[in-house]
C-alpha cells in the first residue's frame, strides 16, 4: 500500500485487507487438505479412502513403466514388496472402482511392452 499520509483509517483498511487475505489463504489450504492424494500413495492411505481395494502382482523391472501409465490414467495406487517370493514381486493395490482405468492402463502397458 502506498500513501503520502498514514492515517488511522488507512491503517485500519490495510489491516482489514491483510486479515481477509490470510483468512482466504487458510481456507484454501484447508480445502486442499481434505482432497484425497492422487497417484502413488501408501496402502494405509488407500485403505482410508473406503473404496475397496484390489491388487495385482508386478515384477520389479516393470514398476517404472507401470507408474507412467498409472499417472496417465489418474489411478491411485500403492506398492507393497512381497519378500517371500524369489525373486521378490511387488503387489500393486488400487481402489476397486478404478478397475476400468487399471484395465485400460494395463492394456496399453502390455501393448507397448510386447
PDB file of N, CA and C in Angstrom:
ATOM      1  N   UNK A   1       0.844  -1.175   0.000  1.00  0.00           N
ATOM      2  CA  UNK A   1       0.000   0.000   0.000  1.00  0.00           C
ATOM      3  C   UNK A   1       0.889   1.237   0.000  1.00  0.00           C
ATOM      4  N   UNK A   2       0.521   2.172  -0.791  1.00  0.00           N
ATOM      5  CA  UNK A   2       1.268   3.425  -0.861  1.00  0.00           C
ATOM      6  C   UNK A   2       0.363   4.561  -0.413  1.00  0.00           C
ATOM      7  N   UNK A   3       0.903   5.400   0.381  1.00  0.00           N
ATOM      8  CA  UNK A   3       0.153   6.569   0.819  1.00  0.00           C
ATOM      9  C   UNK A   3       1.131   7.675   1.181  1.00  0.00           C
ATOM     10  N   UNK A   4       0.663   8.902   1.072  1.00  0.00           N
ATOM     11  CA  UNK A   4       1.522  10.013   1.463  1.00  0.00           C
ATOM     12  C   UNK A   4       1.347  10.339   2.930  1.00  0.00           C
ATOM     13  N   UNK A   5       0.181  10.038   3.432  1.00  0.00           N
ATOM     14  CA  UNK A   5      -0.094  10.349   4.829  1.00  0.00           C
ATOM     15  C   UNK A   5      -0.787   9.145   5.458  1.00  0.00           C
ATOM     16  N   UNK A   6      -0.163   8.552   6.472  1.00  0.00           N
ATOM     17  CA  UNK A   6      -0.725   7.382   7.140  1.00  0.00           C
ATOM     18  C   UNK A   6      -1.677   7.853   8.236  1.00  0.00           C
ATOM     19  N   UNK A   7      -2.960   7.620   7.982  1.00  0.00           N
ATOM     20  CA  UNK A   7      -3.959   7.978   8.986  1.00  0.00           C
ATOM     21  C   UNK A   7      -4.488   6.703   9.623  1.00  0.00           C
ATOM     22  N   UNK A   8      -5.266   6.848  10.645  1.00  0.00           N
ATOM     23  CA  UNK A   8      -5.844   5.701  11.339  1.00  0.00           C
ATOM     24  C   UNK A   8      -6.772   4.921  10.415  1.00  0.00           C
ATOM     25  N   UNK A   9      -7.525   5.633   9.589  1.00  0.00           N
ATOM     26  CA  UNK A   9      -8.445   4.959   8.658  1.00  0.00           C
ATOM     27  C   UNK A   9      -7.676   4.145   7.624  1.00  0.00           C
ATOM     28  N   UNK A  10      -6.604   4.670   7.106  1.00  0.00           N
ATOM     29  CA  UNK A  10      -5.783   3.957   6.120  1.00  0.00           C
ATOM     30  C   UNK A  10      -5.179   2.709   6.762  1.00  0.00           C
ATOM     31  N   UNK A  11      -4.650   2.858   7.966  1.00  0.00           N
ATOM     32  CA  UNK A  11      -4.076   1.722   8.691  1.00  0.00           C
ATOM     33  C   UNK A  11      -5.126   0.649   8.957  1.00  0.00           C
ATOM     34  N   UNK A  12      -6.320   1.075   9.322  1.00  0.00           N
ATOM     35  CA  UNK A  12      -7.419   0.134   9.577  1.00  0.00           C
ATOM     36  C   UNK A  12      -7.772  -0.651   8.308  1.00  0.00           C
ATOM     37  N   UNK A  13      -7.815   0.034   7.161  1.00  0.00           N
ATOM     38  CA  UNK A  13      -8.131  -0.628   5.897  1.00  0.00           C
ATOM     39  C   UNK A  13      -7.045  -1.624   5.498  1.00  0.00           C
ATOM     40  N   UNK A  14      -5.800  -1.255   5.719  1.00  0.00           N
ATOM     41  CA  UNK A  14      -4.682  -2.138   5.381  1.00  0.00           C
ATOM     42  C   UNK A  14      -4.726  -3.403   6.232  1.00  0.00           C
ATOM     43  N   UNK A  15      -4.946  -3.240   7.519  1.00  0.00           N
ATOM     44  CA  UNK A  15      -5.011  -4.403   8.420  1.00  0.00           C
ATOM     45  C   UNK A  15      -6.203  -5.289   8.067  1.00  0.00           C
ATOM     46  N   UNK A  16      -7.355  -4.699   7.749  1.00  0.00           N
ATOM     47  CA  UNK A  16      -8.535  -5.484   7.371  1.00  0.00           C
ATOM     48  C   UNK A  16      -8.277  -6.267   6.084  1.00  0.00           C
ATOM     49  N   UNK A  17      -7.616  -5.636   5.108  1.00  0.00           N
ATOM     50  CA  UNK A  17      -7.306  -6.322   3.852  1.00  0.00           C
ATOM     51  C   UNK A  17      -6.336  -7.472   4.096  1.00  0.00           C
ATOM     52  N   UNK A  18      -5.345  -7.255   4.940  1.00  0.00           N
ATOM     53  CA  UNK A  18      -4.381  -8.310   5.273  1.00  0.00           C
ATOM     54  C   UNK A  18      -5.073  -9.486   5.961  1.00  0.00           C
ATOM     55  N   UNK A  19      -5.940  -9.220   6.902  1.00  0.00           N
ATOM     56  CA  UNK A  19      -6.652 -10.302   7.606  1.00  0.00           C
ATOM     57  C   UNK A  19      -7.559 -11.080   6.658  1.00  0.00           C
ATOM     58  N   UNK A  20      -8.230 -10.377   5.722  1.00  0.00           N
ATOM     59  CA  UNK A  20      -9.066 -11.067   4.723  1.00  0.00           C
ATOM     60  C   UNK A  20      -8.210 -11.995   3.866  1.00  0.00           C
ATOM     61  N   UNK A  21      -7.050 -11.495   3.474  1.00  0.00           N
ATOM     62  CA  UNK A  21      -6.144 -12.291   2.647  1.00  0.00           C
ATOM     63  C   UNK A  21      -5.673 -13.541   3.397  1.00  0.00           C
ATOM     64  N   UNK A  22      -5.296 -13.402   4.652  1.00  0.00           N
ATOM     65  CA  UNK A  22      -4.841 -14.540   5.454  1.00  0.00           C
ATOM     66  C   UNK A  22      -5.964 -15.556   5.658  1.00  0.00           C
ATOM     67  N   UNK A  23      -7.174 -15.072   5.889  1.00  0.00           N
ATOM     68  CA  UNK A  23      -8.318 -15.970   6.089  1.00  0.00           C
ATOM     69  C   UNK A  23      -8.603 -16.757   4.807  1.00  0.00           C
ATOM     70  N   UNK A  24      -8.520 -16.088   3.676  1.00  0.00           N
ATOM     71  CA  UNK A  24      -8.749 -16.754   2.399  1.00  0.00           C
ATOM     72  C   UNK A  24      -7.677 -17.801   2.136  1.00  0.00           C
ATOM     73  N   UNK A  25      -6.432 -17.481   2.445  1.00  0.00           N
ATOM     74  CA  UNK A  25      -5.327 -18.417   2.258  1.00  0.00           C
ATOM     75  C   UNK A  25      -5.506 -19.665   3.120  1.00  0.00           C
ATOM     76  N   UNK A  26      -5.909 -19.484   4.379  1.00  0.00           N
ATOM     77  CA  UNK A  26      -6.086 -20.640   5.265  1.00  0.00           C
ATOM     78  C   UNK A  26      -7.272 -21.491   4.822  1.00  0.00           C
ATOM     79  N   UNK A  27      -8.315 -20.869   4.283  1.00  0.00           N
ATOM     80  CA  UNK A  27      -9.461 -21.628   3.782  1.00  0.00           C
ATOM     81  C   UNK A  27      -9.060 -22.465   2.569  1.00  0.00           C
ATOM     82  N   UNK A  28      -8.211 -21.928   1.702  1.00  0.00           N
ATOM     83  CA  UNK A  28      -7.736 -22.682   0.538  1.00  0.00           C
ATOM     84  C   UNK A  28      -6.887 -23.865   0.969  1.00  0.00           C
ATOM     85  N   UNK A  29      -6.029 -23.672   1.977  1.00  0.00           N
ATOM     86  CA  UNK A  29      -5.200 -24.767   2.479  1.00  0.00           C
ATOM     87  C   UNK A  29      -6.059 -25.861   3.080  1.00  0.00           C
ATOM     88  N   UNK A  30      -7.084 -25.470   3.828  1.00  0.00           N
ATOM     89  CA  UNK A  30      -7.964 -26.449   4.461  1.00  0.00           C
ATOM     90  C   UNK A  30      -8.707 -27.262   3.404  1.00  0.00           C
ATOM     91  N   UNK A  31      -9.168 -26.592   2.344  1.00  0.00           N
ATOM     92  CA  UNK A  31      -9.867 -27.291   1.260  1.00  0.00           C
ATOM     93  C   UNK A  31      -8.922 -28.236   0.542  1.00  0.00           C
ATOM     94  N   UNK A  32      -7.670 -27.836   0.405  1.00  0.00           N
ATOM     95  CA  UNK A  32      -6.685 -28.678  -0.269  1.00  0.00           C
ATOM     96  C   UNK A  32      -6.346 -29.895   0.580  1.00  0.00           C
ATOM     97  N   UNK A  33      -6.332 -29.753   1.893  1.00  0.00           N
ATOM     98  CA  UNK A  33      -6.035 -30.870   2.787  1.00  0.00           C
ATOM     99  C   UNK A  33      -7.107 -31.951   2.720  1.00  0.00           C
ATOM    100  N   UNK A  34      -8.363 -31.548   2.534  1.00  0.00           N
ATOM    101  CA  UNK A  34      -9.468 -32.502   2.514  1.00  0.00           C
ATOM    102  C   UNK A  34      -9.515 -33.321   1.231  1.00  0.00           C
ATOM    103  N   UNK A  35      -8.772 -32.914   0.213  1.00  0.00           N
ATOM    104  CA  UNK A  35      -8.726 -33.660  -1.035  1.00  0.00           C
ATOM    105  C   UNK A  35      -7.893 -34.924  -0.853  1.00  0.00           C
ATOM    106  N   UNK A  36      -8.355 -36.079  -1.348  1.00  0.00           N
ATOM    107  CA  UNK A  36      -7.528 -37.284  -1.251  1.00  0.00           C
ATOM    108  C   UNK A  36      -6.305 -37.160  -2.145  1.00  0.00           C
ATOM    109  N   UNK A  37      -5.233 -37.798  -1.725  1.00  0.00           N
ATOM    110  CA  UNK A  37      -3.999 -37.770  -2.513  1.00  0.00           C
ATOM    111  C   UNK A  37      -4.221 -38.487  -3.833  1.00  0.00           C
ATOM    112  N   UNK A  38      -3.429 -38.140  -4.806  1.00  0.00           N
ATOM    113  CA  UNK A  38      -3.511 -38.740  -6.130  1.00  0.00           C
ATOM    114  C   UNK A  38      -2.201 -39.445  -6.457  1.00  0.00           C
ATOM    115  N   UNK A  39      -2.277 -40.475  -7.289  1.00  0.00           N
ATOM    116  CA  UNK A  39      -1.080 -41.182  -7.740  1.00  0.00           C
ATOM    117  C   UNK A  39      -0.599 -42.205  -6.733  1.00  0.00           C
ATOM    118  N   UNK A  40       0.703 -42.278  -6.529  1.00  0.00           N
ATOM    119  CA  UNK A  40       1.307 -43.257  -5.646  1.00  0.00           C
ATOM    120  C   UNK A  40       1.125 -42.820  -4.195  1.00  0.00           C
ATOM    121  N   UNK A  41       0.477 -43.663  -3.409  1.00  0.00           N
ATOM    122  CA  UNK A  41       0.230 -43.392  -2.004  1.00  0.00           C
ATOM    123  C   UNK A  41       0.523 -44.654  -1.203  1.00  0.00           C
ATOM    124  N   UNK A  42       0.433 -44.579   0.106  1.00  0.00           N
ATOM    125  CA  UNK A  42       0.682 -45.757   0.936  1.00  0.00           C
ATOM    126  C   UNK A  42      -0.573 -46.619   0.985  1.00  0.00           C
ATOM    127  N   UNK A  43      -0.388 -47.877   1.388  1.00  0.00           N
ATOM    128  CA  UNK A  43      -1.520 -48.800   1.497  1.00  0.00           C
ATOM    129  C   UNK A  43      -2.512 -48.280   2.537  1.00  0.00           C
ATOM    130  N   UNK A  44      -1.987 -47.718   3.612  1.00  0.00           N
ATOM    131  CA  UNK A  44      -2.834 -47.188   4.682  1.00  0.00           C
ATOM    132  C   UNK A  44      -3.719 -46.042   4.170  1.00  0.00           C
ATOM    133  N   UNK A  45      -3.133 -45.118   3.408  1.00  0.00           N
ATOM    134  CA  UNK A  45      -3.902 -44.003   2.853  1.00  0.00           C
ATOM    135  C   UNK A  45      -4.946 -44.499   1.856  1.00  0.00           C
ATOM    136  N   UNK A  46      -4.602 -45.520   1.096  1.00  0.00           N
ATOM    137  CA  UNK A  46      -5.545 -46.085   0.132  1.00  0.00           C
ATOM    138  C   UNK A  46      -6.715 -46.746   0.851  1.00  0.00           C
ATOM    139  N   UNK A  47      -6.429 -47.426   1.955  1.00  0.00           N
ATOM    140  CA  UNK A  47      -7.488 -48.078   2.726  1.00  0.00           C
ATOM    141  C   UNK A  47      -8.425 -47.053   3.358  1.00  0.00           C
ATOM    142  N   UNK A  48      -7.909 -45.878   3.708  1.00  0.00           N
ATOM    143  CA  UNK A  48      -8.735 -44.830   4.310  1.00  0.00           C
ATOM    144  C   UNK A  48      -9.769 -44.283   3.343  1.00  0.00           C
ATOM    145  N   UNK A  49      -9.577 -44.474   2.054  1.00  0.00           N
ATOM    146  CA  UNK A  49     -10.500 -43.933   1.068  1.00  0.00           C
ATOM    147  C   UNK A  49     -11.784 -44.757   0.963  1.00  0.00           C
ATOM    148  N   UNK A  50     -11.850 -45.885   1.663  1.00  0.00           N
ATOM    149  CA  UNK A  50     -13.065 -46.715   1.757  1.00  0.00           C
ATOM    150  C   UNK A  50     -13.695 -47.017   0.405  1.00  0.00           C
ATOM    151  N   UNK A  51     -12.902 -47.448  -0.531  1.00  0.00           N
ATOM    152  CA  UNK A  51     -13.433 -47.761  -1.856  1.00  0.00           C
ATOM    153  C   UNK A  51     -13.207 -49.220  -2.216  1.00  0.00           C
ATOM    154  N   UNK A  52     -12.777 -50.042  -1.259  1.00  0.00           N
ATOM    155  CA  UNK A  52     -12.479 -51.434  -1.555  1.00  0.00           C
ATOM    156  C   UNK A  52     -11.201 -51.527  -2.362  1.00  0.00           C
ATOM    157  N   UNK A  53     -10.314 -52.403  -1.953  1.00  0.00           N
ATOM    158  CA  UNK A  53      -9.018 -52.492  -2.633  1.00  0.00           C
ATOM    159  C   UNK A  53      -8.906 -53.804  -3.400  1.00  0.00           C
ATOM    160  N   UNK A  54      -8.207 -53.725  -4.515  1.00  0.00           N
ATOM    161  CA  UNK A  54      -7.896 -54.875  -5.344  1.00  0.00           C
ATOM    162  C   UNK A  54      -6.394 -54.847  -5.575  1.00  0.00           C
ATOM    163  N   UNK A  55      -5.785 -56.002  -5.815  1.00  0.00           N
ATOM    164  CA  UNK A  55      -4.346 -55.995  -6.053  1.00  0.00           C
ATOM    165  C   UNK A  55      -3.969 -56.903  -7.204  1.00  0.00           C
ATOM    166  N   UNK A  56      -2.800 -56.626  -7.767  1.00  0.00           N
ATOM    167  CA  UNK A  56      -2.214 -57.451  -8.818  1.00  0.00           C
ATOM    168  C   UNK A  56      -0.718 -57.538  -8.555  1.00  0.00           C
ATOM    169  N   UNK A  57      -0.070 -58.557  -9.120  1.00  0.00           N
ATOM    170  CA  UNK A  57       1.371 -58.715  -8.979  1.00  0.00           C
ATOM    171  C   UNK A  57       2.067 -58.102 -10.188  1.00  0.00           C
ATOM    172  N   UNK A  58       3.249 -57.537  -9.921  1.00  0.00           N
ATOM    173  CA  UNK A  58       4.041 -56.949 -10.995  1.00  0.00           C
ATOM    174  C   UNK A  58       5.515 -57.181 -10.668  1.00  0.00           C
ATOM    175  N   UNK A  59       6.327 -57.398 -11.699  1.00  0.00           N
ATOM    176  CA  UNK A  59       7.752 -57.648 -11.477  1.00  0.00           C
ATOM    177  C   UNK A  59       8.486 -56.324 -11.263  1.00  0.00           C
ATOM    178  N   UNK A  60       9.631 -56.363 -10.575  1.00  0.00           N
ATOM    179  CA  UNK A  60      10.367 -55.116 -10.285  1.00  0.00           C
ATOM    180  C   UNK A  60      10.793 -54.345 -11.531  1.00  0.00           C
ATOM    181  N   UNK A  61      11.089 -55.027 -12.622  1.00  0.00           N
ATOM    182  CA  UNK A  61      11.556 -54.314 -13.810  1.00  0.00           C
ATOM    183  C   UNK A  61      10.429 -53.550 -14.512  1.00  0.00           C
ATOM    184  N   UNK A  62       9.174 -53.871 -14.217  1.00  0.00           N
ATOM    185  CA  UNK A  62       8.046 -53.212 -14.874  1.00  0.00           C
ATOM    186  C   UNK A  62       7.415 -52.095 -14.045  1.00  0.00           C
ATOM    187  N   UNK A  63       7.960 -51.831 -12.863  1.00  0.00           N
ATOM    188  CA  UNK A  63       7.327 -50.853 -11.977  1.00  0.00           C
ATOM    189  C   UNK A  63       7.331 -49.452 -12.578  1.00  0.00           C
ATOM    190  N   UNK A  64       8.458 -48.987 -13.044  1.00  0.00           N
ATOM    191  CA  UNK A  64       8.547 -47.631 -13.596  1.00  0.00           C
ATOM    192  C   UNK A  64       7.628 -47.452 -14.798  1.00  0.00           C
ATOM    193  N   UNK A  65       7.569 -48.456 -15.651  1.00  0.00           N
ATOM    194  CA  UNK A  65       6.681 -48.373 -16.813  1.00  0.00           C
ATOM    195  C   UNK A  65       5.226 -48.311 -16.373  1.00  0.00           C
ATOM    196  N   UNK A  66       4.882 -49.120 -15.378  1.00  0.00           N
ATOM    197  CA  UNK A  66       3.506 -49.111 -14.879  1.00  0.00           C
ATOM    198  C   UNK A  66       3.157 -47.752 -14.280  1.00  0.00           C
ATOM    199  N   UNK A  67       4.082 -47.152 -13.521  1.00  0.00           N
ATOM    200  CA  UNK A  67       3.813 -45.863 -12.877  1.00  0.00           C
ATOM    201  C   UNK A  67       3.491 -44.789 -13.912  1.00  0.00           C
ATOM    202  N   UNK A  68       4.153 -44.846 -15.049  1.00  0.00           N
ATOM    203  CA  UNK A  68       3.897 -43.871 -16.121  1.00  0.00           C
ATOM    204  C   UNK A  68       2.443 -43.973 -16.592  1.00  0.00           C
ATOM    205  N   UNK A  69       1.972 -45.186 -16.811  1.00  0.00           N
ATOM    206  CA  UNK A  69       0.599 -45.379 -17.294  1.00  0.00           C
ATOM    207  C   UNK A  69      -0.426 -45.098 -16.189  1.00  0.00           C
ATOM    208  N   UNK A  70      -0.084 -45.391 -14.947  1.00  0.00           N
ATOM    209  CA  UNK A  70      -0.995 -45.105 -13.839  1.00  0.00           C
ATOM    210  C   UNK A  70      -1.210 -43.597 -13.700  1.00  0.00           C
ATOM    211  N   UNK A  71      -0.152 -42.818 -13.850  1.00  0.00           N
ATOM    212  CA  UNK A  71      -0.289 -41.359 -13.804  1.00  0.00           C
ATOM    213  C   UNK A  71      -1.135 -40.863 -14.970  1.00  0.00           C
ATOM    214  N   UNK A  72      -0.917 -41.459 -16.135  1.00  0.00           N
ATOM    215  CA  UNK A  72      -1.651 -41.040 -17.328  1.00  0.00           C
ATOM    216  C   UNK A  72      -3.152 -41.245 -17.152  1.00  0.00           C
ATOM    217  N   UNK A  73      -3.537 -42.358 -16.519  1.00  0.00           N
ATOM    218  CA  UNK A  73      -4.948 -42.676 -16.339  1.00  0.00           C
ATOM    219  C   UNK A  73      -5.503 -42.190 -14.998  1.00  0.00           C
ATOM    220  N   UNK A  74      -4.703 -41.501 -14.189  1.00  0.00           N
ATOM    221  CA  UNK A  74      -5.179 -40.928 -12.931  1.00  0.00           C
ATOM    222  C   UNK A  74      -5.563 -41.964 -11.888  1.00  0.00           C
ATOM    223  N   UNK A  75      -4.768 -43.010 -11.770  1.00  0.00           N
ATOM    224  CA  UNK A  75      -5.072 -44.102 -10.852  1.00  0.00           C
ATOM    225  C   UNK A  75      -4.352 -43.890  -9.525  1.00  0.00           C
ATOM    226  N   UNK A  76      -5.081 -44.025  -8.424  1.00  0.00           N
ATOM    227  CA  UNK A  76      -4.458 -44.039  -7.101  1.00  0.00           C
ATOM    228  C   UNK A  76      -4.005 -45.467  -6.842  1.00  0.00           C
ATOM    229  N   UNK A  77      -2.729 -45.645  -6.473  1.00  0.00           N
ATOM    230  CA  UNK A  77      -2.225 -46.993  -6.252  1.00  0.00           C
ATOM    231  C   UNK A  77      -1.185 -46.982  -5.135  1.00  0.00           C
ATOM    232  N   UNK A  78      -0.956 -48.167  -4.587  1.00  0.00           N
ATOM    233  CA  UNK A  78       0.055 -48.337  -3.549  1.00  0.00           C
ATOM    234  C   UNK A  78       0.875 -49.570  -3.893  1.00  0.00           C
ATOM    235  N   UNK A  79       2.186 -49.492  -3.676  1.00  0.00           N
ATOM    236  CA  UNK A  79       3.086 -50.618  -3.945  1.00  0.00           C
ATOM    237  C   UNK A  79       3.519 -51.250  -2.635  1.00  0.00           C
ATOM    238  N   UNK A  80       3.520 -52.564  -2.600  1.00  0.00           N
ATOM    239  CA  UNK A  80       3.983 -53.308  -1.433  1.00  0.00           C
ATOM    240  C   UNK A  80       4.856 -54.446  -1.949  1.00  0.00           C
ATOM    241  N   UNK A  81       6.064 -54.584  -1.414  1.00  0.00           N
ATOM    242  CA  UNK A  81       7.002 -55.608  -1.863  1.00  0.00           C
ATOM    243  C   UNK A  81       6.721 -56.909  -1.126  1.00  0.00           C
ATOM    244  N   UNK A  82       6.559 -57.998  -1.872  1.00  0.00           N
ATOM    245  CA  UNK A  82       6.351 -59.327  -1.298  1.00  0.00           C
ATOM    246  C   UNK A  82       7.702 -60.035  -1.277  1.00  0.00           C
ATOM    247  N   UNK A  83       8.351 -60.068  -0.108  1.00  0.00           N
ATOM    248  CA  UNK A  83       9.697 -60.614   0.016  1.00  0.00           C
ATOM    249  C   UNK A  83       9.714 -62.128   0.148  1.00  0.00           C
ATOM    250  N   UNK A  84       8.557 -62.757   0.306  1.00  0.00           N
ATOM    251  CA  UNK A  84       8.522 -64.206   0.495  1.00  0.00           C
ATOM    252  C   UNK A  84       8.823 -64.962  -0.790  1.00  0.00           C
ATOM    253  N   UNK A  85       8.620 -64.335  -1.921  1.00  0.00           N
ATOM    254  CA  UNK A  85       8.854 -64.991  -3.207  1.00  0.00           C
ATOM    255  C   UNK A  85      10.260 -64.686  -3.705  1.00  0.00           C
ATOM    256  N   UNK A  86      10.785 -65.602  -4.535  1.00  0.00           N
ATOM    257  CA  UNK A  86      12.110 -65.402  -5.096  1.00  0.00           C
ATOM    258  C   UNK A  86      12.011 -65.437  -6.606  1.00  0.00           C
ATOM    259  N   UNK A  87      12.261 -64.465  -7.360  1.00  0.00           N
ATOM    260  CA  UNK A  87      12.647 -63.111  -6.999  1.00  0.00           C
ATOM    261  C   UNK A  87      11.465 -62.348  -6.398  1.00  0.00           C
ATOM    262  N   UNK A  88      11.739 -61.298  -5.633  1.00  0.00           N
ATOM    263  CA  UNK A  88      10.661 -60.542  -4.991  1.00  0.00           C
ATOM    264  C   UNK A  88       9.674 -59.988  -6.026  1.00  0.00           C
ATOM    265  N   UNK A  89       8.424 -59.977  -5.646  1.00  0.00           N
ATOM    266  CA  UNK A  89       7.362 -59.481  -6.521  1.00  0.00           C
ATOM    267  C   UNK A  89       6.689 -58.314  -5.800  1.00  0.00           C
ATOM    268  N   UNK A  90       6.260 -57.334  -6.544  1.00  0.00           N
ATOM    269  CA  UNK A  90       5.548 -56.205  -5.967  1.00  0.00           C
ATOM    270  C   UNK A  90       4.049 -56.401  -6.151  1.00  0.00           C
ATOM    271  N   UNK A  91       3.308 -56.059  -5.113  1.00  0.00           N
ATOM    272  CA  UNK A  91       1.850 -56.083  -5.182  1.00  0.00           C
ATOM    273  C   UNK A  91       1.403 -54.645  -5.408  1.00  0.00           C
ATOM    274  N   UNK A  92       0.588 -54.427  -6.416  1.00  0.00           N
ATOM    275  CA  UNK A  92       0.038 -53.101  -6.696  1.00  0.00           C
ATOM    276  C   UNK A  92      -1.407 -53.110  -6.217  1.00  0.00           C
ATOM    277  N   UNK A  93      -1.696 -52.272  -5.213  1.00  0.00           N
ATOM    278  CA  UNK A  93      -3.048 -52.151  -4.688  1.00  0.00           C
ATOM    279  C   UNK A  93      -3.688 -50.921  -5.302  1.00  0.00           C
ATOM    280  N   UNK A  94      -4.958 -51.028  -5.639  1.00  0.00           N
ATOM    281  CA  UNK A  94      -5.687 -49.880  -6.163  1.00  0.00           C
ATOM    282  C   UNK A  94      -7.136 -50.001  -5.743  1.00  0.00           C
ATOM    283  N   UNK A  95      -7.870 -48.915  -5.890  1.00  0.00           N
ATOM    284  CA  UNK A  95      -9.272 -48.885  -5.484  1.00  0.00           C
ATOM    285  C   UNK A  95     -10.097 -49.749  -6.426  1.00  0.00           C
ATOM    286  N   UNK A  96     -11.097 -50.396  -5.874  1.00  0.00           N
ATOM    287  CA  UNK A  96     -11.951 -51.260  -6.666  1.00  0.00           C
ATOM    288  C   UNK A  96     -12.683 -50.524  -7.770  1.00  0.00           C
ATOM    289  N   UNK A  97     -13.053 -49.283  -7.506  1.00  0.00           N
ATOM    290  CA  UNK A  97     -13.801 -48.541  -8.531  1.00  0.00           C
ATOM    291  C   UNK A  97     -12.901 -48.051  -9.668  1.00  0.00           C
ATOM    292  N   UNK A  98     -11.580 -48.194  -9.521  1.00  0.00           N
ATOM    293  CA  UNK A  98     -10.640 -47.844 -10.593  1.00  0.00           C
ATOM    294  C   UNK A  98     -10.379 -49.022 -11.529  1.00  0.00           C
ATOM    295  N   UNK A  99     -11.164 -50.068 -11.442  1.00  0.00           N
ATOM    296  CA  UNK A  99     -10.944 -51.295 -12.207  1.00  0.00           C
ATOM    297  C   UNK A  99     -10.876 -51.025 -13.710  1.00  0.00           C
ATOM    298  N   UNK A 100     -11.773 -50.207 -14.223  1.00  0.00           N
ATOM    299  CA  UNK A 100     -11.784 -49.923 -15.661  1.00  0.00           C
ATOM    300  C   UNK A 100     -10.533 -49.156 -16.085  1.00  0.00           C
ATOM    301  N   UNK A 101     -10.116 -48.200 -15.266  1.00  0.00           N
ATOM    302  CA  UNK A 101      -8.914 -47.427 -15.577  1.00  0.00           C
ATOM    303  C   UNK A 101      -7.678 -48.315 -15.518  1.00  0.00           C
ATOM    304  N   UNK A 102      -7.629 -49.214 -14.544  1.00  0.00           N
ATOM    305  CA  UNK A 102      -6.495 -50.148 -14.427  1.00  0.00           C
ATOM    306  C   UNK A 102      -6.442 -51.059 -15.643  1.00  0.00           C
ATOM    307  N   UNK A 103      -7.591 -51.561 -16.071  1.00  0.00           N
ATOM    308  CA  UNK A 103      -7.637 -52.437 -17.236  1.00  0.00           C
ATOM    309  C   UNK A 103      -7.116 -51.705 -18.477  1.00  0.00           C
ATOM    310  N   UNK A 104      -7.543 -50.472 -18.663  1.00  0.00           N
ATOM    311  CA  UNK A 104      -7.089 -49.695 -19.811  1.00  0.00           C
ATOM    312  C   UNK A 104      -5.585 -49.412 -19.724  1.00  0.00           C
ATOM    313  N   UNK A 105      -5.113 -49.085 -18.532  1.00  0.00           N
ATOM    314  CA  UNK A 105      -3.682 -48.802 -18.353  1.00  0.00           C
ATOM    315  C   UNK A 105      -2.843 -50.046 -18.642  1.00  0.00           C
ATOM    316  N   UNK A 106      -3.279 -51.200 -18.124  1.00  0.00           N
ATOM    317  CA  UNK A 106      -2.522 -52.432 -18.371  1.00  0.00           C
ATOM    318  C   UNK A 106      -2.605 -52.870 -19.825  1.00  0.00           C
ATOM    319  N   UNK A 107      -3.722 -52.617 -20.463  1.00  0.00           N
ATOM    320  CA  UNK A 107      -3.843 -52.964 -21.879  1.00  0.00           C
ATOM    321  C   UNK A 107      -2.823 -52.154 -22.686  1.00  0.00           C
ATOM    322  N   UNK A 108      -2.746 -50.854 -22.427  1.00  0.00           N
ATOM    323  CA  UNK A 108      -1.785 -50.020 -23.142  1.00  0.00           C
ATOM    324  C   UNK A 108      -0.346 -50.366 -22.762  1.00  0.00           C
ATOM    325  N   UNK A 109      -0.133 -50.664 -21.478  1.00  0.00           N
ATOM    326  CA  UNK A 109       1.198 -51.047 -20.996  1.00  0.00           C
ATOM    327  C   UNK A 109       1.673 -52.322 -21.681  1.00  0.00           C
ATOM    328  N   UNK A 110       0.800 -53.336 -21.756  1.00  0.00           N
ATOM    329  CA  UNK A 110       1.189 -54.606 -22.365  1.00  0.00           C
ATOM    330  C   UNK A 110       1.408 -54.460 -23.882  1.00  0.00           C
ATOM    331  N   UNK A 111       0.649 -53.604 -24.546  1.00  0.00           N
ATOM    332  CA  UNK A 111       0.853 -53.375 -25.966  1.00  0.00           C
ATOM    333  C   UNK A 111       2.215 -52.751 -26.236  1.00  0.00           C
ATOM    334  N   UNK A 112       2.626 -51.826 -25.384  1.00  0.00           N
ATOM    335  CA  UNK A 112       3.932 -51.170 -25.556  1.00  0.00           C
ATOM    336  C   UNK A 112       5.076 -52.131 -25.255  1.00  0.00           C
ATOM    337  N   UNK A 113       4.902 -53.002 -24.260  1.00  0.00           N
ATOM    338  CA  UNK A 113       5.951 -53.924 -23.861  1.00  0.00           C
ATOM    339  C   UNK A 113       6.122 -55.056 -24.852  1.00  0.00           C
ATOM    340  N   UNK A 114       5.045 -55.455 -25.500  1.00  0.00           N
ATOM    341  CA  UNK A 114       5.105 -56.582 -26.452  1.00  0.00           C
ATOM    342  C   UNK A 114       5.386 -56.028 -27.813  1.00  0.00           C
TER     343      UNK A 114
END
